[in-house]
Amino acid sequence: MTIRINDECISCGACEPECPVGAISEGSGKYEINQDVCTECEACIGVCPTEAIIKE
């Protein structure tokens, strides 16, 4: 499984401080998850106001 941020992201930044390993950063137009660092803990999913963070 992979956690990713889709185009529903409004760049509010709520997810970034929730990531315990620092895998989330501001990208071009939306936030991005570094898959090499992400541990798939899902801490970011519950804080996203637009439900833009999904597990695939």
Protein backbone atom coordinates (compact mmCIF):
# COMPACT_ATOMS: atom_id res chain seq x y z
CA MET A 1 0.00 0.00 0.00
CA THR A 2 1.00 3.59 -0.58
CA ILE A 3 -0.22 6.81 0.99
CA ARG A 4 -0.46 9.70 -1.42
CA ILE A 5 -1.92 13.19 -1.66
CA ASN A 6 -4.29 13.76 -4.55
CA ASP A 7 -5.37 16.93 -6.36
CA GLU A 8 -8.01 17.72 -3.71
CA CYS A 9 -5.14 19.10 -1.57
CA ILE A 10 -5.65 22.78 -0.73
CA SER A 11 -2.11 23.20 0.68
CA CYS A 12 -3.41 24.01 4.17
CA GLY A 13 -0.40 22.34 5.79
CA ALA A 14 -2.36 20.41 8.43
CA CYS A 15 -0.69 17.13 7.49
CA GLU A 16 2.95 18.20 7.61
CA PRO A 17 3.35 18.53 11.42
CA GLU A 18 1.50 15.24 11.98
CA CYS A 19 4.11 13.17 10.14
CA PRO A 20 6.46 11.64 12.72
CA VAL A 21 9.20 10.98 10.15
CA GLY A 22 9.04 14.25 8.17
CA ALA A 23 7.92 12.62 4.93
CA ILE A 24 5.49 15.41 3.99
CA SER A 25 6.59 18.68 2.45
CA GLU A 26 5.11 21.51 0.43
CA GLY A 27 5.32 20.77 -3.26
CA SER A 28 4.32 22.60 -6.39
CA GLY A 29 0.63 23.37 -5.93
CA LYS A 30 0.04 20.74 -3.23
CA TYR A 31 1.81 18.88 -0.48
CA GLU A 32 3.78 15.74 -1.32
CA ILE A 33 4.76 12.57 0.49
CA ASN A 34 8.29 11.22 0.12
CA GLN A 35 7.60 7.52 -0.37
CA ASP A 36 11.17 6.60 0.58
CA VAL A 37 10.63 8.07 4.06
CA CYS A 38 6.91 7.38 4.69
CA THR A 39 6.22 4.58 7.17
CA GLU A 40 2.49 4.44 6.27
CA CYS A 41 1.47 5.24 9.87
CA GLU A 42 -1.62 7.06 8.55
CA ALA A 43 -1.28 9.95 11.03
CA CYS A 44 -1.79 12.42 8.19
CA ILE A 45 -5.00 10.92 6.83
CA GLY A 46 -7.28 11.93 9.70
CA VAL A 47 -6.21 15.58 9.80
CA CYS A 48 -6.78 16.41 6.13
CA PRO A 49 -9.89 18.65 5.85
CA THR A 50 -10.48 17.73 2.20
CA GLU A 51 -9.74 14.00 2.49
CA ALA A 52 -7.00 14.45 -0.11
CA ILE A 53 -4.67 11.96 1.56
CA ILE A 54 -5.51 8.42 0.52
CA LYS A 55 -4.12 4.95 0.95
CA GLU A 56 -3.88 2.92 -2.22
